Amino acid sequence: MIRIPIEMLAAAGLLIGGIPTAAFAQLEATAARRAACMADAVMLCRSAIPNKARIAACLASKMDQLTPRCRAQFAKR
């Protein structure tokens, strides 16, 4: 029988338990970004919709035209 030290099991449990929390935080951040930049995307980058990568690139290229709320989301990255 293979014996696994309790410390390794505890560490594995912490890592596995942290995954849903990290995923939820990422979803929350994505929702916040979307809410902050939706109007800017529609107004400034309509041709890039629905491609998320193109929208992000378009918004980044028009940083001086973004609303302060959307610009702040880019500063957080």
C-alpha atoms as a PDB file:
ATOM      1  CA  MET A   1       0.000   0.000   0.000  1.00  0.00           C
ATOM      2  CA  ILE A   2       1.276   3.476  -0.850  1.00  0.00           C
ATOM      3  CA  ARG A   3       1.394   5.869   2.076  1.00  0.00           C
ATOM      4  CA  ILE A   4       0.942   9.561   1.364  1.00  0.00           C
ATOM      5  CA  PRO A   5       1.987  12.047   4.045  1.00  0.00           C
ATOM      6  CA  ILE A   6      -0.931  14.014   5.509  1.00  0.00           C
ATOM      7  CA  GLU A   7       0.824  17.290   4.596  1.00  0.00           C
ATOM      8  CA  MET A   8       0.673  16.384   0.904  1.00  0.00           C
ATOM      9  CA  LEU A   9      -3.015  15.568   1.147  1.00  0.00           C
ATOM     10  CA  ALA A  10      -3.678  18.844   2.944  1.00  0.00           C
ATOM     11  CA  ALA A  11      -1.761  20.823   0.302  1.00  0.00           C
ATOM     12  CA  ALA A  12      -3.652  19.069  -2.502  1.00  0.00           C
ATOM     13  CA  GLY A  13      -6.952  19.833  -0.770  1.00  0.00           C
ATOM     14  CA  LEU A  14      -6.082  23.508  -0.497  1.00  0.00           C
ATOM     15  CA  LEU A  15      -5.116  23.697  -4.166  1.00  0.00           C
ATOM     16  CA  ILE A  16      -8.258  21.937  -5.331  1.00  0.00           C
ATOM     17  CA  GLY A  17     -10.428  23.990  -2.987  1.00  0.00           C
ATOM     18  CA  GLY A  18      -8.918  27.228  -4.293  1.00  0.00           C
ATOM     19  CA  ILE A  19      -9.680  26.544  -7.936  1.00  0.00           C
ATOM     20  CA  PRO A  20     -13.414  27.367  -7.768  1.00  0.00           C
ATOM     21  CA  THR A  21     -12.648  30.559  -5.838  1.00  0.00           C
ATOM     22  CA  ALA A  22     -10.086  31.673  -8.415  1.00  0.00           C
ATOM     23  CA  ALA A  23     -12.444  30.829 -11.263  1.00  0.00           C
ATOM     24  CA  PHE A  24     -15.256  32.776  -9.600  1.00  0.00           C
ATOM     25  CA  ALA A  25     -12.976  35.795  -9.093  1.00  0.00           C
ATOM     26  CA  GLN A  26     -12.045  35.690 -12.790  1.00  0.00           C
ATOM     27  CA  LEU A  27     -15.714  35.520 -13.816  1.00  0.00           C
ATOM     28  CA  GLU A  28     -16.480  38.436 -11.528  1.00  0.00           C
ATOM     29  CA  ALA A  29     -13.622  40.485 -13.009  1.00  0.00           C
ATOM     30  CA  THR A  30     -14.769  39.651 -16.535  1.00  0.00           C
ATOM     31  CA  ALA A  31     -18.323  40.724 -15.718  1.00  0.00           C
ATOM     32  CA  ALA A  32     -17.033  43.975 -14.225  1.00  0.00           C
ATOM     33  CA  ARG A  33     -14.928  44.665 -17.332  1.00  0.00           C
ATOM     34  CA  ARG A  34     -17.847  43.894 -19.592  1.00  0.00           C
ATOM     35  CA  ALA A  35     -20.174  46.189 -17.655  1.00  0.00           C
ATOM     36  CA  ALA A  36     -17.618  49.007 -17.613  1.00  0.00           C
ATOM     37  CA  CYS A  37     -16.749  48.812 -21.312  1.00  0.00           C
ATOM     38  CA  MET A  38     -19.928  47.620 -23.030  1.00  0.00           C
ATOM     39  CA  ALA A  39     -21.065  51.072 -24.138  1.00  0.00           C
ATOM     40  CA  ASP A  40     -17.545  51.977 -25.288  1.00  0.00           C
ATOM     41  CA  ALA A  41     -17.306  48.773 -27.318  1.00  0.00           C
ATOM     42  CA  VAL A  42     -20.637  49.402 -29.008  1.00  0.00           C
ATOM     43  CA  MET A  43     -19.821  53.021 -29.715  1.00  0.00           C
ATOM     44  CA  LEU A  44     -16.164  52.721 -30.735  1.00  0.00           C
ATOM     45  CA  CYS A  45     -15.597  49.125 -31.845  1.00  0.00           C
ATOM     46  CA  ARG A  46     -18.865  47.924 -33.334  1.00  0.00           C
ATOM     47  CA  SER A  47     -17.104  46.140 -36.218  1.00  0.00           C
ATOM     48  CA  ALA A  48     -15.095  43.981 -33.777  1.00  0.00           C
ATOM     49  CA  ILE A  49     -18.176  42.544 -32.044  1.00  0.00           C
ATOM     50  CA  PRO A  50     -18.532  39.584 -31.175  1.00  0.00           C
ATOM     51  CA  ASN A  51     -14.784  38.722 -31.269  1.00  0.00           C
ATOM     52  CA  LYS A  52     -13.534  39.390 -27.711  1.00  0.00           C
ATOM     53  CA  ALA A  53      -9.868  39.607 -28.704  1.00  0.00           C
ATOM     54  CA  ARG A  54     -10.630  42.114 -31.463  1.00  0.00           C
ATOM     55  CA  ILE A  55     -12.821  44.163 -29.120  1.00  0.00           C
ATOM     56  CA  ALA A  56     -10.033  44.318 -26.519  1.00  0.00           C
ATOM     57  CA  ALA A  57      -7.477  45.301 -29.157  1.00  0.00           C
ATOM     58  CA  CYS A  58      -9.799  47.931 -30.586  1.00  0.00           C
ATOM     59  CA  LEU A  59     -10.558  49.429 -27.172  1.00  0.00           C
ATOM     60  CA  ALA A  60      -6.846  49.445 -26.277  1.00  0.00           C
ATOM     61  CA  SER A  61      -6.072  51.297 -29.504  1.00  0.00           C
ATOM     62  CA  LYS A  62      -8.646  53.976 -28.639  1.00  0.00           C
ATOM     63  CA  MET A  63      -7.616  54.453 -24.998  1.00  0.00           C
ATOM     64  CA  ASP A  64      -7.889  58.246 -25.199  1.00  0.00           C
ATOM     65  CA  GLN A  65     -11.544  57.961 -26.278  1.00  0.00           C
ATOM     66  CA  LEU A  66     -12.661  55.507 -23.569  1.00  0.00           C
ATOM     67  CA  THR A  67     -14.816  56.493 -20.643  1.00  0.00           C
ATOM     68  CA  PRO A  68     -12.892  56.767 -17.359  1.00  0.00           C
ATOM     69  CA  ARG A  69     -14.687  53.684 -16.026  1.00  0.00           C
ATOM     70  CA  CYS A  70     -13.588  51.532 -18.978  1.00  0.00           C
ATOM     71  CA  ARG A  71     -10.067  52.996 -19.029  1.00  0.00           C
ATOM     72  CA  ALA A  72      -9.729  51.996 -15.364  1.00  0.00           C
ATOM     73  CA  GLN A  73     -10.424  48.366 -16.309  1.00  0.00           C
ATOM     74  CA  PHE A  74      -7.451  48.392 -18.669  1.00  0.00           C
ATOM     75  CA  ALA A  75      -5.259  49.863 -15.929  1.00  0.00           C
ATOM     76  CA  LYS A  76      -6.154  46.890 -13.668  1.00  0.00           C
ATOM     77  CA  ARG A  77      -4.786  44.324 -16.128  1.00  0.00           C
END
